[in-house]
């Protein structure tokens, strides 16, 4: 039951975070269409990357904690 929890809820969270990165493609398209300056594009990409990195770090920590919990039971 515990292992299923880890796989079912925590691992998809990590996969979802990679979807957030696709936002950078949107920034690039907006830049090409002159709807966004290059500086704003880079700033947006940096912010998204930082948020994604923090999210992945949290998910990794939760997976690690849950794995330890499972292994000790």
C-alpha atoms as a PDB file:
ATOM      1  CA  UNK A   1       0.000   0.000   0.000  1.00  0.00           C
ATOM      2  CA  UNK A   2       2.753   2.485   0.939  1.00  0.00           C
ATOM      3  CA  UNK A   3       4.756   1.744  -2.201  1.00  0.00           C
ATOM      4  CA  UNK A   4       1.683   2.310  -4.330  1.00  0.00           C
ATOM      5  CA  UNK A   5       1.276   5.696  -2.657  1.00  0.00           C
ATOM      6  CA  UNK A   6       4.806   6.701  -3.617  1.00  0.00           C
ATOM      7  CA  UNK A   7       4.432   5.668  -7.231  1.00  0.00           C
ATOM      8  CA  UNK A   8       0.878   6.907  -7.665  1.00  0.00           C
ATOM      9  CA  UNK A   9       1.216  10.343  -6.086  1.00  0.00           C
ATOM     10  CA  UNK A  10       4.817  11.462  -5.926  1.00  0.00           C
ATOM     11  CA  UNK A  11       6.351  10.300  -9.194  1.00  0.00           C
ATOM     12  CA  UNK A  12       3.670  11.862 -11.428  1.00  0.00           C
ATOM     13  CA  UNK A  13       4.340  15.149  -9.632  1.00  0.00           C
ATOM     14  CA  UNK A  14       7.880  15.101 -10.934  1.00  0.00           C
ATOM     15  CA  UNK A  15       6.656  14.373 -14.451  1.00  0.00           C
ATOM     16  CA  UNK A  16       4.198  17.255 -14.203  1.00  0.00           C
ATOM     17  CA  UNK A  17       6.994  19.644 -13.380  1.00  0.00           C
ATOM     18  CA  UNK A  18       8.608  18.951 -16.740  1.00  0.00           C
ATOM     19  CA  UNK A  19       5.378  20.084 -18.382  1.00  0.00           C
ATOM     20  CA  UNK A  20       5.814  23.458 -16.705  1.00  0.00           C
ATOM     21  CA  UNK A  21       9.073  23.842 -18.589  1.00  0.00           C
ATOM     22  CA  UNK A  22       7.148  23.885 -21.857  1.00  0.00           C
ATOM     23  CA  UNK A  23       6.160  27.404 -20.836  1.00  0.00           C
ATOM     24  CA  UNK A  24       9.561  28.520 -22.070  1.00  0.00           C
ATOM     25  CA  UNK A  25       8.486  27.539 -25.577  1.00  0.00           C
ATOM     26  CA  UNK A  26       5.528  29.850 -25.191  1.00  0.00           C
ATOM     27  CA  UNK A  27       7.876  32.683 -24.194  1.00  0.00           C
ATOM     28  CA  UNK A  28       9.970  32.048 -27.308  1.00  0.00           C
ATOM     29  CA  UNK A  29       6.890  32.118 -29.545  1.00  0.00           C
ATOM     30  CA  UNK A  30       5.772  35.372 -27.957  1.00  0.00           C
ATOM     31  CA  UNK A  31       9.224  36.843 -28.538  1.00  0.00           C
ATOM     32  CA  UNK A  32       9.150  35.814 -32.197  1.00  0.00           C
ATOM     33  CA  UNK A  33       5.744  37.446 -32.569  1.00  0.00           C
ATOM     34  CA  UNK A  34       7.139  40.628 -30.966  1.00  0.00           C
ATOM     35  CA  UNK A  35       4.736  40.264 -28.048  1.00  0.00           C
ATOM     36  CA  UNK A  36       7.604  39.919 -25.568  1.00  0.00           C
ATOM     37  CA  UNK A  37      11.068  41.445 -25.433  1.00  0.00           C
ATOM     38  CA  UNK A  38      14.110  39.187 -25.360  1.00  0.00           C
ATOM     39  CA  UNK A  39      14.941  40.415 -21.846  1.00  0.00           C
ATOM     40  CA  UNK A  40      11.434  39.573 -20.628  1.00  0.00           C
ATOM     41  CA  UNK A  41      11.677  36.182 -22.313  1.00  0.00           C
ATOM     42  CA  UNK A  42      14.925  35.359 -20.523  1.00  0.00           C
ATOM     43  CA  UNK A  43      13.581  36.633 -17.207  1.00  0.00           C
ATOM     44  CA  UNK A  44      10.460  34.511 -17.555  1.00  0.00           C
ATOM     45  CA  UNK A  45      12.490  31.436 -18.472  1.00  0.00           C
ATOM     46  CA  UNK A  46      14.759  31.930 -15.451  1.00  0.00           C
ATOM     47  CA  UNK A  47      11.791  32.297 -13.089  1.00  0.00           C
ATOM     48  CA  UNK A  48      10.100  29.183 -14.458  1.00  0.00           C
ATOM     49  CA  UNK A  49      13.348  27.204 -14.161  1.00  0.00           C
ATOM     50  CA  UNK A  50      13.864  28.267 -10.537  1.00  0.00           C
ATOM     51  CA  UNK A  51      10.287  27.322  -9.635  1.00  0.00           C
ATOM     52  CA  UNK A  52      10.643  23.982 -11.402  1.00  0.00           C
ATOM     53  CA  UNK A  53      13.941  23.218  -9.663  1.00  0.00           C
ATOM     54  CA  UNK A  54      12.426  23.980  -6.245  1.00  0.00           C
ATOM     55  CA  UNK A  55       9.413  21.802  -6.988  1.00  0.00           C
ATOM     56  CA  UNK A  56      11.569  18.880  -8.131  1.00  0.00           C
ATOM     57  CA  UNK A  57      13.697  19.225  -5.004  1.00  0.00           C
ATOM     58  CA  UNK A  58      10.582  19.009  -2.808  1.00  0.00           C
ATOM     59  CA  UNK A  59       9.252  15.988  -4.683  1.00  0.00           C
ATOM     60  CA  UNK A  60      12.622  14.225  -4.503  1.00  0.00           C
ATOM     61  CA  UNK A  61      12.743  14.823  -0.752  1.00  0.00           C
ATOM     62  CA  UNK A  62       9.224  13.434  -0.311  1.00  0.00           C
ATOM     63  CA  UNK A  63      10.085  10.352  -2.382  1.00  0.00           C
ATOM     64  CA  UNK A  64      13.244   9.835  -0.324  1.00  0.00           C
ATOM     65  CA  UNK A  65      11.335  10.178   2.965  1.00  0.00           C
ATOM     66  CA  UNK A  66       8.568   7.860   1.820  1.00  0.00           C
ATOM     67  CA  UNK A  67      11.100   5.301   0.574  1.00  0.00           C
ATOM     68  CA  UNK A  68      12.854   5.323   3.954  1.00  0.00           C
ATOM     69  CA  UNK A  69       9.499   4.908   5.679  1.00  0.00           C
ATOM     70  CA  UNK A  70       8.603   1.954   3.471  1.00  0.00           C
ATOM     71  CA  UNK A  71      11.955   0.272   3.950  1.00  0.00           C
ATOM     72  CA  UNK A  72      11.749   0.500   7.759  1.00  0.00           C
ATOM     73  CA  UNK A  73       8.253  -1.037   7.956  1.00  0.00           C
END
